[in-house]
C-alpha cells in the first residue's frame, strides 16, 4: 500500500487552496478590469513572473528559458522576476525590456551579494531583493550550484536596503514576525512563500497571508504570494486574502518548455481571463476592490 507524505507542504497548500469556494454576486456586476498598480507602475494584471534560476535553452531554440519568459513579461506588461544568475545573464534579461526584479541568493560571499545588487541597479533593474528561504540545507547552510549560503540578519538586510535607490523585495516571508522586521528596515515588498515546500509541514502561504496583511496595515509594504498559483481562481483567492499580486511559477513551465515566449503568453492570458471571469461573477470590477467577502471556507 502506498501512503501520501503528510509533511509535504505542497500537498498541504493545494488542499487548503482548493477548500476555499466562491459566492456569486451577479446583480449589478460588470465585466472586470485586471489592470493593477504595483510600486508606482501600471501592469496589465496582478499576475507576475517567478524568480526562476538555472533555465537553459529548451530544445534547439536560441534563447534560454529565462530570456523567453522575460520577453513574455515585456509583451504582456507584467512584472518580471529572476533568481540565481550571473551578471552576464542578468544583462541579457533586462535587455529584453521587461521590468525586472533581481532576487539575489544569500551567498556566504557577501561581496558577491553586493556586486550583483549594484550591477542590477546600474543596468536598469526595476528592483532588487533577496531569497531568504534558501539559506538552510539539511546539513547546515545550503550549497546551491556550488555556492554556499549563509544566515542574513536584519542589520544585513537593512544595509542592502540602504545601499540602493531601488525598491527592495524580500522573498520567502512566512510569518508575521519576519513581515514586521521587513517593514521596520524599509523593505518595499515581500513575497509570501515556502519556496515549493522546502520546509516540511510549512504553513500554506494563503493561511498566513491574512495575518500578515493585518500586521502590515498602515505600513508601506506591498505583498506578493506564490506557491501553487496555477489559475485565475488561485490569483483571486490570493488577492482576496491580502496579496497585491501573485506569482505563477511551475504552472507555466510546460508551456514555456514547449512553446517558449508564445507559450508563456498563452498561459498567462488564460489565467488573466479566468481572474477577470471570477471577479465579474463575484461583483468586483477592479483588482483594488477585491476583498474576502465572497469567499467561503470549507476547512
C-alpha atoms as a PDB file:
ATOM      1  CA  UNK A   1       0.000   0.000   0.000  1.00  0.00           C
ATOM      2  CA  UNK A   2       1.239   3.488  -0.881  1.00  0.00           C
ATOM      3  CA  UNK A   3       0.885   6.320   1.609  1.00  0.00           C
ATOM      4  CA  UNK A   4       0.925  10.017   0.767  1.00  0.00           C
ATOM      5  CA  UNK A   5       3.511  12.020   2.666  1.00  0.00           C
ATOM      6  CA  UNK A   6       1.734  14.032   5.341  1.00  0.00           C
ATOM      7  CA  UNK A   7       4.626  16.506   5.653  1.00  0.00           C
ATOM      8  CA  UNK A   8       4.597  17.629   2.002  1.00  0.00           C
ATOM      9  CA  UNK A   9       3.941  21.369   2.204  1.00  0.00           C
ATOM     10  CA  UNK A  10       2.855  21.476  -1.439  1.00  0.00           C
ATOM     11  CA  UNK A  11       0.054  18.972  -0.853  1.00  0.00           C
ATOM     12  CA  UNK A  12      -0.997  20.767   2.351  1.00  0.00           C
ATOM     13  CA  UNK A  13      -1.026  24.038   0.409  1.00  0.00           C
ATOM     14  CA  UNK A  14      -3.038  22.631  -2.508  1.00  0.00           C
ATOM     15  CA  UNK A  15      -5.692  21.154  -0.218  1.00  0.00           C
ATOM     16  CA  UNK A  16      -6.138  24.424   1.635  1.00  0.00           C
ATOM     17  CA  UNK A  17      -6.384  26.483  -1.546  1.00  0.00           C
ATOM     18  CA  UNK A  18      -8.940  24.097  -3.041  1.00  0.00           C
ATOM     19  CA  UNK A  19     -11.070  24.259   0.115  1.00  0.00           C
ATOM     20  CA  UNK A  20     -11.911  27.939  -0.494  1.00  0.00           C
ATOM     21  CA  UNK A  21     -15.095  28.453  -2.527  1.00  0.00           C
ATOM     22  CA  UNK A  22     -16.780  31.473  -4.157  1.00  0.00           C
ATOM     23  CA  UNK A  23     -20.129  33.111  -3.536  1.00  0.00           C
ATOM     24  CA  UNK A  24     -21.776  34.553  -6.671  1.00  0.00           C
ATOM     25  CA  UNK A  25     -22.794  38.221  -6.721  1.00  0.00           C
ATOM     26  CA  UNK A  26     -24.261  38.928 -10.133  1.00  0.00           C
ATOM     27  CA  UNK A  27     -26.864  41.671  -9.819  1.00  0.00           C
ATOM     28  CA  UNK A  28     -25.228  44.948 -10.789  1.00  0.00           C
ATOM     29  CA  UNK A  29     -21.910  43.286 -11.642  1.00  0.00           C
ATOM     30  CA  UNK A  30     -19.957  44.385 -14.729  1.00  0.00           C
ATOM     31  CA  UNK A  31     -17.106  42.901 -16.745  1.00  0.00           C
ATOM     32  CA  UNK A  32     -13.960  43.325 -14.644  1.00  0.00           C
ATOM     33  CA  UNK A  33     -10.664  45.040 -15.497  1.00  0.00           C
ATOM     34  CA  UNK A  34      -7.457  43.276 -14.408  1.00  0.00           C
ATOM     35  CA  UNK A  35      -5.089  46.255 -14.711  1.00  0.00           C
ATOM     36  CA  UNK A  36      -3.224  46.932 -11.469  1.00  0.00           C
ATOM     37  CA  UNK A  37      -0.684  49.255  -9.852  1.00  0.00           C
ATOM     38  CA  UNK A  38       2.429  47.991  -8.097  1.00  0.00           C
ATOM     39  CA  UNK A  39       5.259  50.111  -6.676  1.00  0.00           C
ATOM     40  CA  UNK A  40       4.301  53.092  -8.780  1.00  0.00           C
ATOM     41  CA  UNK A  41       3.915  51.282 -12.127  1.00  0.00           C
ATOM     42  CA  UNK A  42       0.821  50.114 -14.005  1.00  0.00           C
ATOM     43  CA  UNK A  43       0.703  46.479 -15.100  1.00  0.00           C
ATOM     44  CA  UNK A  44      -1.865  44.619 -17.177  1.00  0.00           C
ATOM     45  CA  UNK A  45      -2.638  42.122 -14.422  1.00  0.00           C
ATOM     46  CA  UNK A  46      -1.724  41.273 -10.806  1.00  0.00           C
ATOM     47  CA  UNK A  47      -0.022  38.111 -12.068  1.00  0.00           C
ATOM     48  CA  UNK A  48       3.773  38.242 -12.019  1.00  0.00           C
ATOM     49  CA  UNK A  49       6.608  36.076 -13.310  1.00  0.00           C
ATOM     50  CA  UNK A  50       8.523  33.808 -10.914  1.00  0.00           C
ATOM     51  CA  UNK A  51      12.114  34.276  -9.760  1.00  0.00           C
ATOM     52  CA  UNK A  52      13.377  31.254 -11.697  1.00  0.00           C
ATOM     53  CA  UNK A  53      17.017  30.225 -11.910  1.00  0.00           C
ATOM     54  CA  UNK A  54      19.032  27.738 -13.976  1.00  0.00           C
ATOM     55  CA  UNK A  55      16.765  27.555 -17.040  1.00  0.00           C
ATOM     56  CA  UNK A  56      18.845  26.739 -20.090  1.00  0.00           C
ATOM     57  CA  UNK A  57      17.759  26.520 -23.722  1.00  0.00           C
ATOM     58  CA  UNK A  58      14.736  24.330 -24.369  1.00  0.00           C
ATOM     59  CA  UNK A  59      15.053  22.218 -27.484  1.00  0.00           C
ATOM     60  CA  UNK A  60      17.197  23.898 -30.107  1.00  0.00           C
ATOM     61  CA  UNK A  61      15.881  27.416 -29.508  1.00  0.00           C
ATOM     62  CA  UNK A  62      18.343  30.289 -29.432  1.00  0.00           C
ATOM     63  CA  UNK A  63      17.269  31.941 -26.167  1.00  0.00           C
ATOM     64  CA  UNK A  64      17.325  30.464 -22.669  1.00  0.00           C
ATOM     65  CA  UNK A  65      14.076  29.853 -20.840  1.00  0.00           C
ATOM     66  CA  UNK A  66      14.899  32.819 -18.608  1.00  0.00           C
ATOM     67  CA  UNK A  67      15.069  35.127 -21.617  1.00  0.00           C
ATOM     68  CA  UNK A  68      11.954  33.640 -23.193  1.00  0.00           C
ATOM     69  CA  UNK A  69       9.718  34.213 -20.188  1.00  0.00           C
ATOM     70  CA  UNK A  70      11.231  37.676 -19.722  1.00  0.00           C
ATOM     71  CA  UNK A  71      10.223  38.542 -23.287  1.00  0.00           C
ATOM     72  CA  UNK A  72       6.727  37.328 -22.446  1.00  0.00           C
ATOM     73  CA  UNK A  73       6.703  39.606 -19.395  1.00  0.00           C
ATOM     74  CA  UNK A  74       7.630  42.553 -21.600  1.00  0.00           C
ATOM     75  CA  UNK A  75       4.950  41.795 -24.174  1.00  0.00           C
ATOM     76  CA  UNK A  76       2.273  41.123 -21.534  1.00  0.00           C
ATOM     77  CA  UNK A  77       3.279  44.132 -19.399  1.00  0.00           C
ATOM     78  CA  UNK A  78       3.673  42.125 -16.205  1.00  0.00           C
ATOM     79  CA  UNK A  79       6.381  42.445 -13.564  1.00  0.00           C
ATOM     80  CA  UNK A  80       9.304  40.109 -14.195  1.00  0.00           C
ATOM     81  CA  UNK A  81      11.499  38.372 -11.618  1.00  0.00           C
ATOM     82  CA  UNK A  82      14.711  36.415 -11.987  1.00  0.00           C
ATOM     83  CA  UNK A  83      16.642  34.374  -9.445  1.00  0.00           C
ATOM     84  CA  UNK A  84      20.142  32.927  -9.318  1.00  0.00           C
ATOM     85  CA  UNK A  85      22.009  34.112 -12.414  1.00  0.00           C
ATOM     86  CA  UNK A  86      25.395  35.636 -13.094  1.00  0.00           C
ATOM     87  CA  UNK A  87      25.702  39.239 -14.205  1.00  0.00           C
ATOM     88  CA  UNK A  88      26.083  38.495 -17.907  1.00  0.00           C
ATOM     89  CA  UNK A  89      22.775  36.617 -17.956  1.00  0.00           C
ATOM     90  CA  UNK A  90      21.042  39.322 -15.952  1.00  0.00           C
ATOM     91  CA  UNK A  91      22.176  41.857 -18.538  1.00  0.00           C
ATOM     92  CA  UNK A  92      20.528  39.764 -21.265  1.00  0.00           C
ATOM     93  CA  UNK A  93      17.316  39.524 -19.237  1.00  0.00           C
ATOM     94  CA  UNK A  94      16.954  43.271 -18.681  1.00  0.00           C
ATOM     95  CA  UNK A  95      17.883  43.661 -22.338  1.00  0.00           C
ATOM     96  CA  UNK A  96      14.517  42.123 -23.222  1.00  0.00           C
ATOM     97  CA  UNK A  97      12.889  45.319 -21.977  1.00  0.00           C
ATOM     98  CA  UNK A  98      10.956  43.607 -19.183  1.00  0.00           C
ATOM     99  CA  UNK A  99      10.631  45.469 -15.888  1.00  0.00           C
ATOM    100  CA  UNK A 100      12.712  43.028 -13.847  1.00  0.00           C
ATOM    101  CA  UNK A 101      13.406  42.457 -10.154  1.00  0.00           C
ATOM    102  CA  UNK A 102      16.642  40.617  -9.405  1.00  0.00           C
ATOM    103  CA  UNK A 103      16.357  38.276  -6.418  1.00  0.00           C
ATOM    104  CA  UNK A 104      19.889  37.591  -5.169  1.00  0.00           C
ATOM    105  CA  UNK A 105      20.722  34.466  -3.204  1.00  0.00           C
ATOM    106  CA  UNK A 106      22.026  34.829   0.391  1.00  0.00           C
ATOM    107  CA  UNK A 107      25.590  33.972  -0.630  1.00  0.00           C
ATOM    108  CA  UNK A 108      28.202  33.407   2.051  1.00  0.00           C
ATOM    109  CA  UNK A 109      30.347  35.599  -0.183  1.00  0.00           C
ATOM    110  CA  UNK A 110      28.807  38.923   0.821  1.00  0.00           C
ATOM    111  CA  UNK A 111      30.885  40.698  -1.785  1.00  0.00           C
ATOM    112  CA  UNK A 112      29.035  38.729  -4.449  1.00  0.00           C
ATOM    113  CA  UNK A 113      25.682  39.729  -2.934  1.00  0.00           C
ATOM    114  CA  UNK A 114      26.582  43.405  -3.115  1.00  0.00           C
ATOM    115  CA  UNK A 115      28.158  43.150  -6.544  1.00  0.00           C
ATOM    116  CA  UNK A 116      25.045  41.531  -8.027  1.00  0.00           C
ATOM    117  CA  UNK A 117      22.735  44.104  -6.432  1.00  0.00           C
ATOM    118  CA  UNK A 118      24.889  47.006  -7.642  1.00  0.00           C
ATOM    119  CA  UNK A 119      25.099  45.500 -11.124  1.00  0.00           C
ATOM    120  CA  UNK A 120      21.316  45.163 -11.239  1.00  0.00           C
ATOM    121  CA  UNK A 121      20.806  48.794 -10.268  1.00  0.00           C
ATOM    122  CA  UNK A 122      23.356  50.093 -12.758  1.00  0.00           C
ATOM    123  CA  UNK A 123      21.817  48.027 -15.571  1.00  0.00           C
ATOM    124  CA  UNK A 124      18.218  49.139 -15.250  1.00  0.00           C
ATOM    125  CA  UNK A 125      16.553  46.732 -12.821  1.00  0.00           C
ATOM    126  CA  UNK A 126      13.079  47.621 -11.585  1.00  0.00           C
ATOM    127  CA  UNK A 127      14.004  46.369  -8.116  1.00  0.00           C
ATOM    128  CA  UNK A 128      16.362  44.110  -6.187  1.00  0.00           C
ATOM    129  CA  UNK A 129      15.854  41.661  -3.366  1.00  0.00           C
ATOM    130  CA  UNK A 130      16.936  38.538  -1.542  1.00  0.00           C
ATOM    131  CA  UNK A 131      15.720  34.963  -1.339  1.00  0.00           C
ATOM    132  CA  UNK A 132      15.842  34.355   2.444  1.00  0.00           C
ATOM    133  CA  UNK A 133      14.195  30.917   2.299  1.00  0.00           C
ATOM    134  CA  UNK A 134      17.230  29.439   0.552  1.00  0.00           C
ATOM    135  CA  UNK A 135      19.621  29.815   3.481  1.00  0.00           C
ATOM    136  CA  UNK A 136      19.490  26.373   5.080  1.00  0.00           C
ATOM    137  CA  UNK A 137      20.101  22.853   3.834  1.00  0.00           C
ATOM    138  CA  UNK A 138      19.731  19.540   5.643  1.00  0.00           C
ATOM    139  CA  UNK A 139      23.340  19.667   6.877  1.00  0.00           C
ATOM    140  CA  UNK A 140      23.504  23.320   7.915  1.00  0.00           C
ATOM    141  CA  UNK A 141      23.851  26.127   5.403  1.00  0.00           C
ATOM    142  CA  UNK A 142      22.726  25.276   1.892  1.00  0.00           C
ATOM    143  CA  UNK A 143      25.048  24.873  -1.077  1.00  0.00           C
ATOM    144  CA  UNK A 144      23.393  25.705  -4.400  1.00  0.00           C
ATOM    145  CA  UNK A 145      25.212  25.232  -7.713  1.00  0.00           C
ATOM    146  CA  UNK A 146      28.477  25.104  -5.766  1.00  0.00           C
ATOM    147  CA  UNK A 147      27.756  28.372  -3.921  1.00  0.00           C
ATOM    148  CA  UNK A 148      27.500  28.315  -0.121  1.00  0.00           C
ATOM    149  CA  UNK A 149      24.681  30.299   1.504  1.00  0.00           C
ATOM    150  CA  UNK A 150      24.676  31.896   4.944  1.00  0.00           C
ATOM    151  CA  UNK A 151      22.403  33.499   7.542  1.00  0.00           C
ATOM    152  CA  UNK A 152      21.104  37.023   6.977  1.00  0.00           C
ATOM    153  CA  UNK A 153      20.421  39.304   9.933  1.00  0.00           C
ATOM    154  CA  UNK A 154      18.017  42.225   9.962  1.00  0.00           C
ATOM    155  CA  UNK A 155      21.040  44.543  10.036  1.00  0.00           C
ATOM    156  CA  UNK A 156      22.456  42.907   6.900  1.00  0.00           C
ATOM    157  CA  UNK A 157      19.147  43.217   5.074  1.00  0.00           C
ATOM    158  CA  UNK A 158      18.856  46.811   6.216  1.00  0.00           C
ATOM    159  CA  UNK A 159      22.290  47.566   4.750  1.00  0.00           C
ATOM    160  CA  UNK A 160      21.152  46.238   1.363  1.00  0.00           C
ATOM    161  CA  UNK A 161      18.024  48.395   1.506  1.00  0.00           C
ATOM    162  CA  UNK A 162      20.082  51.481   2.339  1.00  0.00           C
ATOM    163  CA  UNK A 163      22.674  50.806  -0.359  1.00  0.00           C
ATOM    164  CA  UNK A 164      20.242  51.188  -3.247  1.00  0.00           C
ATOM    165  CA  UNK A 165      17.635  53.617  -4.518  1.00  0.00           C
ATOM    166  CA  UNK A 166      15.619  50.712  -5.946  1.00  0.00           C
ATOM    167  CA  UNK A 167      12.701  49.106  -4.095  1.00  0.00           C
ATOM    168  CA  UNK A 168      13.931  46.110  -2.089  1.00  0.00           C
ATOM    169  CA  UNK A 169      11.872  42.891  -2.042  1.00  0.00           C
ATOM    170  CA  UNK A 170      12.333  40.002   0.392  1.00  0.00           C
ATOM    171  CA  UNK A 171      11.256  36.585  -0.916  1.00  0.00           C
ATOM    172  CA  UNK A 172      10.389  33.796   1.494  1.00  0.00           C
ATOM    173  CA  UNK A 173       8.396  35.519   4.242  1.00  0.00           C
ATOM    174  CA  UNK A 174       6.091  33.070   6.022  1.00  0.00           C
ATOM    175  CA  UNK A 175       5.391  34.708   9.390  1.00  0.00           C
ATOM    176  CA  UNK A 176       4.096  37.944  10.871  1.00  0.00           C
ATOM    177  CA  UNK A 177       7.429  38.252  12.709  1.00  0.00           C
ATOM    178  CA  UNK A 178       9.511  38.353   9.529  1.00  0.00           C
ATOM    179  CA  UNK A 179       6.983  40.578   7.765  1.00  0.00           C
ATOM    180  CA  UNK A 180       7.216  43.174  10.539  1.00  0.00           C
ATOM    181  CA  UNK A 181      11.019  43.020  10.559  1.00  0.00           C
ATOM    182  CA  UNK A 182      10.964  43.672   6.815  1.00  0.00           C
ATOM    183  CA  UNK A 183       8.692  46.671   7.331  1.00  0.00           C
ATOM    184  CA  UNK A 184      10.960  48.036  10.068  1.00  0.00           C
ATOM    185  CA  UNK A 185      14.040  48.050   7.812  1.00  0.00           C
ATOM    186  CA  UNK A 186      12.354  49.685   4.835  1.00  0.00           C
ATOM    187  CA  UNK A 187      11.597  46.723   2.572  1.00  0.00           C
ATOM    188  CA  UNK A 188       9.066  47.817  -0.070  1.00  0.00           C
ATOM    189  CA  UNK A 189       7.543  44.417  -0.832  1.00  0.00           C
ATOM    190  CA  UNK A 190       7.601  40.845   0.411  1.00  0.00           C
ATOM    191  CA  UNK A 191       6.870  37.547  -1.306  1.00  0.00           C
ATOM    192  CA  UNK A 192       4.909  35.246   0.999  1.00  0.00           C
ATOM    193  CA  UNK A 193       6.239  31.828   0.051  1.00  0.00           C
ATOM    194  CA  UNK A 194       7.507  28.479   1.284  1.00  0.00           C
ATOM    195  CA  UNK A 195       9.694  28.011  -1.818  1.00  0.00           C
ATOM    196  CA  UNK A 196       7.893  24.943  -3.155  1.00  0.00           C
ATOM    197  CA  UNK A 197       7.852  23.217   0.199  1.00  0.00           C
ATOM    198  CA  UNK A 198      11.469  23.393   1.354  1.00  0.00           C
ATOM    199  CA  UNK A 199      10.238  23.152   4.964  1.00  0.00           C
ATOM    200  CA  UNK A 200       8.166  20.071   5.888  1.00  0.00           C
ATOM    201  CA  UNK A 201       4.723  20.989   7.245  1.00  0.00           C
ATOM    202  CA  UNK A 202       5.218  24.621   6.185  1.00  0.00           C
ATOM    203  CA  UNK A 203       2.058  26.663   6.681  1.00  0.00           C
ATOM    204  CA  UNK A 204       0.270  27.375   3.374  1.00  0.00           C
ATOM    205  CA  UNK A 205       1.021  30.945   2.314  1.00  0.00           C
ATOM    206  CA  UNK A 206      -2.715  31.663   1.994  1.00  0.00           C
ATOM    207  CA  UNK A 207      -3.346  30.676   5.630  1.00  0.00           C
ATOM    208  CA  UNK A 208      -0.752  33.111   6.990  1.00  0.00           C
ATOM    209  CA  UNK A 209      -1.480  35.799   4.389  1.00  0.00           C
ATOM    210  CA  UNK A 210      -4.429  37.490   6.186  1.00  0.00           C
ATOM    211  CA  UNK A 211      -2.411  37.720   9.415  1.00  0.00           C
ATOM    212  CA  UNK A 212       0.498  39.316   7.564  1.00  0.00           C
ATOM    213  CA  UNK A 213      -1.833  41.734   5.786  1.00  0.00           C
ATOM    214  CA  UNK A 214      -3.365  42.816   9.083  1.00  0.00           C
ATOM    215  CA  UNK A 215       0.037  43.220  10.751  1.00  0.00           C
ATOM    216  CA  UNK A 216       1.287  45.406   7.879  1.00  0.00           C
ATOM    217  CA  UNK A 217      -1.767  47.673   7.865  1.00  0.00           C
ATOM    218  CA  UNK A 218      -0.604  51.282   7.669  1.00  0.00           C
ATOM    219  CA  UNK A 219       2.932  50.285   6.666  1.00  0.00           C
ATOM    220  CA  UNK A 220       4.325  50.914   3.205  1.00  0.00           C
ATOM    221  CA  UNK A 221       4.891  47.279   2.247  1.00  0.00           C
ATOM    222  CA  UNK A 222       3.297  45.525  -0.736  1.00  0.00           C
ATOM    223  CA  UNK A 223       2.582  41.783  -0.709  1.00  0.00           C
ATOM    224  CA  UNK A 224       3.076  39.140  -3.397  1.00  0.00           C
ATOM    225  CA  UNK A 225       2.241  35.479  -2.811  1.00  0.00           C
ATOM    226  CA  UNK A 226       3.430  32.357  -4.627  1.00  0.00           C
ATOM    227  CA  UNK A 227       3.418  28.541  -4.268  1.00  0.00           C
ATOM    228  CA  UNK A 228       0.785  26.571  -6.144  1.00  0.00           C
ATOM    229  CA  UNK A 229      -0.643  29.520  -8.081  1.00  0.00           C
ATOM    230  CA  UNK A 230      -1.909  27.927 -11.291  1.00  0.00           C
ATOM    231  CA  UNK A 231      -5.209  29.580 -12.227  1.00  0.00           C
ATOM    232  CA  UNK A 232      -7.155  32.803 -12.160  1.00  0.00           C
ATOM    233  CA  UNK A 233      -9.136  31.414  -9.245  1.00  0.00           C
ATOM    234  CA  UNK A 234      -5.898  30.970  -7.288  1.00  0.00           C
ATOM    235  CA  UNK A 235      -4.876  34.555  -8.050  1.00  0.00           C
ATOM    236  CA  UNK A 236      -8.296  35.838  -6.980  1.00  0.00           C
ATOM    237  CA  UNK A 237      -8.074  33.949  -3.660  1.00  0.00           C
ATOM    238  CA  UNK A 238      -4.590  35.341  -3.035  1.00  0.00           C
ATOM    239  CA  UNK A 239      -5.744  38.928  -3.578  1.00  0.00           C
ATOM    240  CA  UNK A 240      -8.931  38.423  -1.571  1.00  0.00           C
ATOM    241  CA  UNK A 241      -6.849  37.154   1.351  1.00  0.00           C
ATOM    242  CA  UNK A 242      -4.489  40.132   1.344  1.00  0.00           C
ATOM    243  CA  UNK A 243      -1.988  39.988  -1.513  1.00  0.00           C
ATOM    244  CA  UNK A 244      -1.459  42.758  -4.037  1.00  0.00           C
ATOM    245  CA  UNK A 245      -0.350  40.231  -6.668  1.00  0.00           C
ATOM    246  CA  UNK A 246       0.518  36.574  -7.158  1.00  0.00           C
ATOM    247  CA  UNK A 247       3.432  34.916  -8.967  1.00  0.00           C
ATOM    248  CA  UNK A 248       2.930  31.936 -11.268  1.00  0.00           C
ATOM    249  CA  UNK A 249       5.893  29.577 -11.379  1.00  0.00           C
ATOM    250  CA  UNK A 250       5.828  25.864 -12.043  1.00  0.00           C
ATOM    251  CA  UNK A 251       2.399  26.011 -13.664  1.00  0.00           C
ATOM    252  CA  UNK A 252       3.873  27.841 -16.648  1.00  0.00           C
ATOM    253  CA  UNK A 253       6.891  25.564 -17.135  1.00  0.00           C
ATOM    254  CA  UNK A 254       5.237  23.061 -19.530  1.00  0.00           C
ATOM    255  CA  UNK A 255       4.109  25.837 -21.884  1.00  0.00           C
ATOM    256  CA  UNK A 256       7.482  27.583 -21.603  1.00  0.00           C
ATOM    257  CA  UNK A 257       9.321  24.373 -22.459  1.00  0.00           C
ATOM    258  CA  UNK A 258       7.012  23.547 -25.365  1.00  0.00           C
ATOM    259  CA  UNK A 259       6.357  26.934 -26.976  1.00  0.00           C
ATOM    260  CA  UNK A 260       8.726  29.450 -25.391  1.00  0.00           C
ATOM    261  CA  UNK A 261       7.581  33.062 -25.181  1.00  0.00           C
ATOM    262  CA  UNK A 262       4.315  32.363 -27.012  1.00  0.00           C
ATOM    263  CA  UNK A 263       3.531  29.517 -24.617  1.00  0.00           C
ATOM    264  CA  UNK A 264       4.037  31.728 -21.576  1.00  0.00           C
ATOM    265  CA  UNK A 265       1.874  34.457 -23.098  1.00  0.00           C
ATOM    266  CA  UNK A 266      -0.901  31.951 -23.741  1.00  0.00           C
ATOM    267  CA  UNK A 267      -0.625  30.546 -20.197  1.00  0.00           C
ATOM    268  CA  UNK A 268      -0.760  33.974 -18.568  1.00  0.00           C
ATOM    269  CA  UNK A 269      -3.565  35.061 -20.863  1.00  0.00           C
ATOM    270  CA  UNK A 270      -5.665  32.107 -19.775  1.00  0.00           C
ATOM    271  CA  UNK A 271      -5.001  32.804 -16.086  1.00  0.00           C
ATOM    272  CA  UNK A 272      -5.820  36.509 -16.565  1.00  0.00           C
ATOM    273  CA  UNK A 273      -9.067  35.674 -18.350  1.00  0.00           C
ATOM    274  CA  UNK A 274     -10.161  33.360 -15.536  1.00  0.00           C
ATOM    275  CA  UNK A 275      -9.308  36.026 -12.969  1.00  0.00           C
ATOM    276  CA  UNK A 276     -11.483  38.515 -14.851  1.00  0.00           C
ATOM    277  CA  UNK A 277     -14.288  35.931 -15.033  1.00  0.00           C
ATOM    278  CA  UNK A 278     -14.228  35.218 -11.284  1.00  0.00           C
ATOM    279  CA  UNK A 279     -14.021  38.929 -10.458  1.00  0.00           C
ATOM    280  CA  UNK A 280     -17.073  39.591 -12.630  1.00  0.00           C
ATOM    281  CA  UNK A 281     -19.028  36.707 -11.069  1.00  0.00           C
ATOM    282  CA  UNK A 282     -18.290  37.934  -7.546  1.00  0.00           C
ATOM    283  CA  UNK A 283     -19.045  41.614  -8.111  1.00  0.00           C
ATOM    284  CA  UNK A 284     -15.575  43.169  -8.250  1.00  0.00           C
ATOM    285  CA  UNK A 285     -14.843  45.389 -11.254  1.00  0.00           C
ATOM    286  CA  UNK A 286     -11.302  46.398 -10.207  1.00  0.00           C
ATOM    287  CA  UNK A 287      -8.408  44.475  -8.658  1.00  0.00           C
ATOM    288  CA  UNK A 288      -8.059  47.078  -5.915  1.00  0.00           C
ATOM    289  CA  UNK A 289     -11.657  46.420  -4.799  1.00  0.00           C
ATOM    290  CA  UNK A 290     -11.280  42.680  -4.210  1.00  0.00           C
ATOM    291  CA  UNK A 291     -11.755  41.552  -0.603  1.00  0.00           C
ATOM    292  CA  UNK A 292     -12.601  38.281   1.140  1.00  0.00           C
ATOM    293  CA  UNK A 293     -16.365  38.881   1.401  1.00  0.00           C
ATOM    294  CA  UNK A 294     -17.198  36.454  -1.421  1.00  0.00           C
ATOM    295  CA  UNK A 295     -15.008  33.629  -0.067  1.00  0.00           C
ATOM    296  CA  UNK A 296     -16.466  30.607   1.688  1.00  0.00           C
ATOM    297  CA  UNK A 297     -14.125  28.478   3.777  1.00  0.00           C
ATOM    298  CA  UNK A 298     -14.891  24.759   3.980  1.00  0.00           C
ATOM    299  CA  UNK A 299     -11.935  23.876   6.231  1.00  0.00           C
END
